[in-house]
Amino acid sequence: MSETTETIFSKIIRRQVPANVVLEDDVAIAFTDNSPQAPMHILVVPKKPIPKLDDAEPQDAAILGHLLLMVKKVAKHVGLNKGYRVVINNGSEGGQTVDHLHIHILGGRQMKWPPG
């Protein structure tokens, strides 16, 4: 997938916008959400600009798997030992507000079901 519209996440990846980075490697970056919905709310973002999950291609399988392993690593790093919720919003009706695939890690409190 080619570079799409510039997003706040691409600017964070390039360090043009400051963020509280929790972990980072060559494939992804994890940082705290500026509008937390739980005591602990971290976003895991691939460095490759994939607008949304529906735009992922078969060749992105390794990146997608890496993101989930990064979620596990981040959760352990920040001490979410009692559990956490993992959310991917896809498209406007799915609640996605930034057109760059990202995974929410929510924790630090008891999560409710259904999530809404």
Protein backbone atom coordinates (compact mmCIF):
# COMPACT_ATOMS: atom_id res chain seq x y z
CA MET A 1 0.00 0.00 0.00
CA SER A 2 1.38 3.39 -0.88
CA GLU A 3 1.66 6.38 1.43
CA THR A 4 -1.78 7.79 2.07
CA THR A 5 -2.97 11.00 3.64
CA GLU A 6 -0.68 12.45 6.29
CA THR A 7 -1.93 11.58 9.79
CA ILE A 8 -1.02 12.54 13.32
CA PHE A 9 0.41 9.01 13.71
CA SER A 10 2.79 9.39 10.76
CA LYS A 11 3.97 12.67 12.31
CA ILE A 12 4.53 10.91 15.66
CA ILE A 13 6.47 8.14 13.91
CA ARG A 14 8.71 10.77 12.29
CA ARG A 15 9.02 12.65 15.61
CA GLN A 16 7.38 15.76 14.16
CA VAL A 17 4.77 15.63 16.93
CA PRO A 18 5.70 14.72 20.50
CA ALA A 19 4.26 11.61 22.13
CA ASN A 20 4.82 9.63 25.30
CA VAL A 21 6.47 6.61 23.67
CA VAL A 22 6.19 3.41 25.71
CA LEU A 23 8.02 1.01 23.37
CA GLU A 24 9.30 1.10 19.81
CA ASP A 25 11.03 -1.19 17.33
CA ASP A 26 11.64 -1.20 13.58
CA VAL A 27 8.04 -2.19 12.77
CA ALA A 28 5.83 -0.42 15.31
CA ILE A 29 5.60 2.28 17.93
CA ALA A 30 3.50 2.30 21.11
CA PHE A 31 2.52 5.49 22.89
CA THR A 32 -0.08 6.69 25.37
CA ASP A 33 -3.40 7.92 23.99
CA ASN A 34 -4.00 11.67 24.38
CA SER A 35 -7.67 10.99 25.15
CA PRO A 36 -7.54 7.98 27.49
CA GLN A 37 -10.66 5.87 27.91
CA ALA A 38 -9.17 3.85 30.80
CA PRO A 39 -6.47 4.45 33.42
CA MET A 40 -4.02 2.83 30.99
CA HIS A 41 -4.68 3.52 27.29
CA ILE A 42 -1.86 2.87 24.85
CA LEU A 43 -1.89 2.79 21.06
CA VAL A 44 0.25 0.37 19.03
CA VAL A 45 0.81 1.72 15.52
CA PRO A 46 2.62 0.12 12.60
CA LYS A 47 5.24 2.33 11.00
CA LYS A 48 3.98 1.23 7.59
CA PRO A 49 0.96 3.43 6.76
CA ILE A 50 -2.00 1.06 6.48
CA PRO A 51 -5.15 3.24 6.65
CA LYS A 52 -7.40 0.62 8.27
CA LEU A 53 -7.60 -3.12 8.83
CA ASP A 54 -9.71 -3.51 5.68
CA ASP A 55 -6.76 -2.12 3.69
CA ALA A 56 -4.27 -4.71 4.94
CA GLU A 57 -2.94 -6.98 2.20
CA PRO A 58 -1.70 -10.59 2.43
CA GLN A 59 1.88 -9.28 2.42
CA ASP A 60 1.05 -7.39 5.65
CA ALA A 61 0.48 -10.62 7.61
CA ALA A 62 3.86 -10.41 9.35
CA ILE A 63 3.20 -6.80 10.39
CA LEU A 64 -0.25 -7.68 11.74
CA GLY A 65 1.17 -10.56 13.76
CA HIS A 66 3.99 -8.36 15.00
CA LEU A 67 1.47 -5.78 16.23
CA LEU A 68 -0.27 -8.37 18.42
CA LEU A 69 3.04 -9.52 19.87
CA MET A 70 3.90 -5.87 20.51
CA VAL A 71 0.58 -5.51 22.39
CA LYS A 72 1.61 -8.39 24.67
CA LYS A 73 5.06 -6.87 25.21
CA VAL A 74 3.65 -3.40 25.97
CA ALA A 75 1.06 -4.78 28.40
CA LYS A 76 3.76 -6.63 30.31
CA HIS A 77 6.06 -3.58 30.21
CA VAL A 78 3.43 -1.31 31.82
CA GLY A 79 2.29 -3.91 34.38
CA LEU A 80 -1.16 -4.85 33.10
CA ASN A 81 -0.89 -8.18 34.91
CA LYS A 82 -4.60 -8.55 35.71
CA GLY A 83 -5.68 -8.24 32.08
CA TYR A 84 -6.43 -5.72 29.40
CA ARG A 85 -8.66 -5.15 26.39
CA VAL A 86 -7.39 -5.02 22.80
CA VAL A 87 -9.45 -3.01 20.29
CA ILE A 88 -9.09 -2.29 16.59
CA ASN A 89 -11.62 0.18 15.21
CA ASN A 90 -12.19 -0.16 11.46
CA GLY A 91 -13.82 2.63 9.47
CA SER A 92 -16.05 5.47 10.58
CA GLU A 93 -18.92 3.32 11.86
CA GLY A 94 -16.38 1.20 13.73
CA GLY A 95 -15.22 4.30 15.59
CA GLN A 96 -11.93 4.83 13.75
CA THR A 97 -10.94 8.50 13.88
CA VAL A 98 -7.39 8.37 12.49
CA ASP A 99 -6.82 6.79 9.07
CA HIS A 100 -3.77 4.79 10.15
CA LEU A 101 -4.28 1.29 11.51
CA HIS A 102 -3.76 1.18 15.27
CA ILE A 103 -4.50 -1.09 18.19
CA HIS A 104 -5.83 0.21 21.49
CA ILE A 105 -4.64 -1.40 24.73
CA LEU A 106 -7.05 -0.51 27.54
CA GLY A 107 -6.45 -1.54 31.13
CA GLY A 108 -6.09 -0.55 34.74
CA ARG A 109 -9.78 -1.14 35.54
CA GLN A 110 -12.44 -3.82 35.08
CA MET A 111 -13.70 -3.76 31.50
CA LYS A 112 -17.45 -4.08 30.88
CA TRP A 113 -19.29 -6.11 28.23
CA PRO A 114 -20.73 -5.25 25.81
CA PRO A 115 -18.25 -2.47 25.13
CA GLY A 116 -20.77 -0.20 23.38
